[in-house]
């Protein structure tokens, strides 16, 4: 079995809010996650992260460093601290899975329905 590989972006703004997207297929309940997605052929994790942020939010980012690595029997996801360098809030998602973009506070992240609920402690630890 081939392990799914992807990247996720952690982007905080000056107001200490986390960039998140509301996502899901047309049929399913929508949930929140940080911008993320699967690696394409010949793409490294960093390039995947930058592309996914742009597709899902319209923002351009630079990678600061890898800050978390989720590695299970079926999935490998690398989470990168990023900094926004341009763009504007716009959905360019070719998969049509993104429904909203928002900068979420720590209080909101504590209560939102998450796509990956196991990420909540990690996400909450990012706020200062």
C-alpha atoms as a PDB file:
ATOM      1  CA  UNK A   1       0.000   0.000   0.000  1.00  0.00           C
ATOM      2  CA  UNK A   2       1.267   3.460  -0.934  1.00  0.00           C
ATOM      3  CA  UNK A   3       1.310   6.020   1.880  1.00  0.00           C
ATOM      4  CA  UNK A   4      -0.505   9.300   1.138  1.00  0.00           C
ATOM      5  CA  UNK A   5       1.866  12.258   1.474  1.00  0.00           C
ATOM      6  CA  UNK A   6       1.026  15.909   1.864  1.00  0.00           C
ATOM      7  CA  UNK A   7       1.864  19.233   3.444  1.00  0.00           C
ATOM      8  CA  UNK A   8       0.058  21.723   5.643  1.00  0.00           C
ATOM      9  CA  UNK A   9       0.655  25.426   6.256  1.00  0.00           C
ATOM     10  CA  UNK A  10       0.677  27.162   9.610  1.00  0.00           C
ATOM     11  CA  UNK A  11       0.244  30.878   8.972  1.00  0.00           C
ATOM     12  CA  UNK A  12      -0.434  33.312  11.831  1.00  0.00           C
ATOM     13  CA  UNK A  13      -1.228  36.970  11.291  1.00  0.00           C
ATOM     14  CA  UNK A  14      -0.274  40.006  13.376  1.00  0.00           C
ATOM     15  CA  UNK A  15      -3.489  39.619  15.421  1.00  0.00           C
ATOM     16  CA  UNK A  16      -2.416  36.099  16.507  1.00  0.00           C
ATOM     17  CA  UNK A  17      -5.013  34.407  14.290  1.00  0.00           C
ATOM     18  CA  UNK A  18      -4.508  31.188  12.338  1.00  0.00           C
ATOM     19  CA  UNK A  19      -5.294  30.941   8.625  1.00  0.00           C
ATOM     20  CA  UNK A  20      -7.882  28.195   8.098  1.00  0.00           C
ATOM     21  CA  UNK A  21     -10.224  26.958   5.373  1.00  0.00           C
ATOM     22  CA  UNK A  22     -13.709  25.446   5.496  1.00  0.00           C
ATOM     23  CA  UNK A  23     -13.646  22.342   3.358  1.00  0.00           C
ATOM     24  CA  UNK A  24     -15.463  19.219   2.274  1.00  0.00           C
ATOM     25  CA  UNK A  25     -17.112  17.535  -0.657  1.00  0.00           C
ATOM     26  CA  UNK A  26     -20.540  18.764  -1.751  1.00  0.00           C
ATOM     27  CA  UNK A  27     -22.230  15.876   0.094  1.00  0.00           C
ATOM     28  CA  UNK A  28     -20.424  16.013   3.424  1.00  0.00           C
ATOM     29  CA  UNK A  29     -20.571  18.314   6.428  1.00  0.00           C
ATOM     30  CA  UNK A  30     -17.985  21.072   6.068  1.00  0.00           C
ATOM     31  CA  UNK A  31     -15.118  21.221   8.570  1.00  0.00           C
ATOM     32  CA  UNK A  32     -12.136  23.496   9.217  1.00  0.00           C
ATOM     33  CA  UNK A  33      -8.444  22.804   8.594  1.00  0.00           C
ATOM     34  CA  UNK A  34      -5.244  24.673   7.914  1.00  0.00           C
ATOM     35  CA  UNK A  35      -4.468  24.943   4.183  1.00  0.00           C
ATOM     36  CA  UNK A  36      -3.155  21.544   3.134  1.00  0.00           C
ATOM     37  CA  UNK A  37      -3.176  18.891   0.458  1.00  0.00           C
ATOM     38  CA  UNK A  38      -1.433  16.053  -1.276  1.00  0.00           C
ATOM     39  CA  UNK A  39       1.934  16.123  -2.963  1.00  0.00           C
ATOM     40  CA  UNK A  40       1.915  15.949  -6.744  1.00  0.00           C
ATOM     41  CA  UNK A  41       4.397  13.845  -8.705  1.00  0.00           C
ATOM     42  CA  UNK A  42       7.972  15.186  -8.487  1.00  0.00           C
ATOM     43  CA  UNK A  43       6.939  17.803  -5.907  1.00  0.00           C
ATOM     44  CA  UNK A  44       8.687  18.187  -2.559  1.00  0.00           C
ATOM     45  CA  UNK A  45       6.804  18.886   0.679  1.00  0.00           C
ATOM     46  CA  UNK A  46       7.693  22.600   0.746  1.00  0.00           C
ATOM     47  CA  UNK A  47       6.543  23.198  -2.835  1.00  0.00           C
ATOM     48  CA  UNK A  48       3.323  21.328  -2.074  1.00  0.00           C
ATOM     49  CA  UNK A  49       2.704  23.541   0.957  1.00  0.00           C
ATOM     50  CA  UNK A  50       3.213  26.783  -0.982  1.00  0.00           C
ATOM     51  CA  UNK A  51       0.972  25.590  -3.842  1.00  0.00           C
ATOM     52  CA  UNK A  52      -1.816  24.434  -1.527  1.00  0.00           C
ATOM     53  CA  UNK A  53      -1.906  27.743   0.351  1.00  0.00           C
ATOM     54  CA  UNK A  54      -2.241  29.627  -2.938  1.00  0.00           C
ATOM     55  CA  UNK A  55      -4.899  27.280  -4.353  1.00  0.00           C
ATOM     56  CA  UNK A  56      -6.981  27.272  -1.183  1.00  0.00           C
ATOM     57  CA  UNK A  57      -6.605  30.887  -0.021  1.00  0.00           C
ATOM     58  CA  UNK A  58      -5.049  33.058  -2.751  1.00  0.00           C
ATOM     59  CA  UNK A  59      -2.166  33.986  -0.458  1.00  0.00           C
ATOM     60  CA  UNK A  60       1.504  33.613  -1.368  1.00  0.00           C
ATOM     61  CA  UNK A  61       3.734  32.341   1.423  1.00  0.00           C
ATOM     62  CA  UNK A  62       7.345  31.519   2.149  1.00  0.00           C
ATOM     63  CA  UNK A  63       8.343  28.554   4.281  1.00  0.00           C
ATOM     64  CA  UNK A  64      10.044  29.376   7.582  1.00  0.00           C
ATOM     65  CA  UNK A  65      10.612  25.837   8.874  1.00  0.00           C
ATOM     66  CA  UNK A  66       9.010  22.454   9.409  1.00  0.00           C
ATOM     67  CA  UNK A  67       7.314  22.420  12.812  1.00  0.00           C
ATOM     68  CA  UNK A  68       5.337  19.163  12.957  1.00  0.00           C
ATOM     69  CA  UNK A  69       5.461  15.789  11.245  1.00  0.00           C
ATOM     70  CA  UNK A  70       2.427  13.485  11.300  1.00  0.00           C
ATOM     71  CA  UNK A  71       3.519  10.006  10.238  1.00  0.00           C
ATOM     72  CA  UNK A  72       1.168   7.024  10.488  1.00  0.00           C
ATOM     73  CA  UNK A  73       0.902   3.735   8.632  1.00  0.00           C
ATOM     74  CA  UNK A  74      -1.228   5.399   5.942  1.00  0.00           C
ATOM     75  CA  UNK A  75      -0.415   9.126   5.983  1.00  0.00           C
ATOM     76  CA  UNK A  76       2.617  11.383   6.130  1.00  0.00           C
ATOM     77  CA  UNK A  77       1.933  15.106   6.500  1.00  0.00           C
ATOM     78  CA  UNK A  78       4.561  17.754   7.160  1.00  0.00           C
ATOM     79  CA  UNK A  79       3.398  20.989   8.754  1.00  0.00           C
ATOM     80  CA  UNK A  80       5.358  24.129   7.930  1.00  0.00           C
ATOM     81  CA  UNK A  81       5.455  27.494   9.642  1.00  0.00           C
ATOM     82  CA  UNK A  82       4.875  30.015   6.861  1.00  0.00           C
ATOM     83  CA  UNK A  83       4.825  33.765   6.429  1.00  0.00           C
ATOM     84  CA  UNK A  84       2.497  35.548   4.028  1.00  0.00           C
ATOM     85  CA  UNK A  85       4.338  37.560   1.370  1.00  0.00           C
ATOM     86  CA  UNK A  86       1.480  38.586  -0.921  1.00  0.00           C
ATOM     87  CA  UNK A  87      -1.719  37.685  -2.692  1.00  0.00           C
ATOM     88  CA  UNK A  88      -5.283  38.289  -1.660  1.00  0.00           C
ATOM     89  CA  UNK A  89      -7.985  36.129  -0.138  1.00  0.00           C
ATOM     90  CA  UNK A  90      -9.392  34.170  -3.087  1.00  0.00           C
ATOM     91  CA  UNK A  91     -10.238  30.506  -3.594  1.00  0.00           C
ATOM     92  CA  UNK A  92      -8.416  28.964  -6.582  1.00  0.00           C
ATOM     93  CA  UNK A  93      -9.074  25.346  -5.549  1.00  0.00           C
ATOM     94  CA  UNK A  94      -9.178  23.119  -8.651  1.00  0.00           C
ATOM     95  CA  UNK A  95     -10.827  20.341  -6.597  1.00  0.00           C
ATOM     96  CA  UNK A  96     -13.709  22.618  -5.514  1.00  0.00           C
ATOM     97  CA  UNK A  97     -13.464  21.495  -1.887  1.00  0.00           C
ATOM     98  CA  UNK A  98     -12.956  24.915  -0.243  1.00  0.00           C
ATOM     99  CA  UNK A  99     -16.002  26.929   0.861  1.00  0.00           C
ATOM    100  CA  UNK A 100     -14.603  29.658   3.077  1.00  0.00           C
ATOM    101  CA  UNK A 101     -11.331  31.200   4.291  1.00  0.00           C
ATOM    102  CA  UNK A 102     -10.914  32.812   7.707  1.00  0.00           C
ATOM    103  CA  UNK A 103      -8.329  33.955  10.230  1.00  0.00           C
ATOM    104  CA  UNK A 104      -9.381  32.072  13.380  1.00  0.00           C
ATOM    105  CA  UNK A 105      -8.691  33.002  17.012  1.00  0.00           C
ATOM    106  CA  UNK A 106      -7.543  30.505  19.627  1.00  0.00           C
ATOM    107  CA  UNK A 107     -11.042  30.484  21.155  1.00  0.00           C
ATOM    108  CA  UNK A 108     -12.566  29.633  17.767  1.00  0.00           C
ATOM    109  CA  UNK A 109     -10.014  26.889  17.026  1.00  0.00           C
ATOM    110  CA  UNK A 110     -10.886  25.337  20.396  1.00  0.00           C
ATOM    111  CA  UNK A 111     -14.548  24.973  19.301  1.00  0.00           C
ATOM    112  CA  UNK A 112     -14.603  24.616  15.508  1.00  0.00           C
ATOM    113  CA  UNK A 113     -15.444  21.280  13.875  1.00  0.00           C
ATOM    114  CA  UNK A 114     -12.032  20.210  12.546  1.00  0.00           C
ATOM    115  CA  UNK A 115     -11.290  17.993   9.564  1.00  0.00           C
ATOM    116  CA  UNK A 116      -8.499  16.428  11.631  1.00  0.00           C
ATOM    117  CA  UNK A 117      -9.650  16.649  15.282  1.00  0.00           C
ATOM    118  CA  UNK A 118      -6.415  15.002  16.410  1.00  0.00           C
ATOM    119  CA  UNK A 119      -4.619  18.218  15.348  1.00  0.00           C
ATOM    120  CA  UNK A 120      -6.497  20.424  17.856  1.00  0.00           C
ATOM    121  CA  UNK A 121      -3.889  20.240  20.702  1.00  0.00           C
ATOM    122  CA  UNK A 122      -1.082  21.028  18.251  1.00  0.00           C
ATOM    123  CA  UNK A 123      -3.014  23.916  16.668  1.00  0.00           C
ATOM    124  CA  UNK A 124      -3.907  25.387  20.063  1.00  0.00           C
ATOM    125  CA  UNK A 125      -0.253  25.226  21.121  1.00  0.00           C
ATOM    126  CA  UNK A 126       0.642  27.645  18.290  1.00  0.00           C
ATOM    127  CA  UNK A 127      -1.075  30.635  19.871  1.00  0.00           C
ATOM    128  CA  UNK A 128       0.833  32.951  22.197  1.00  0.00           C
END
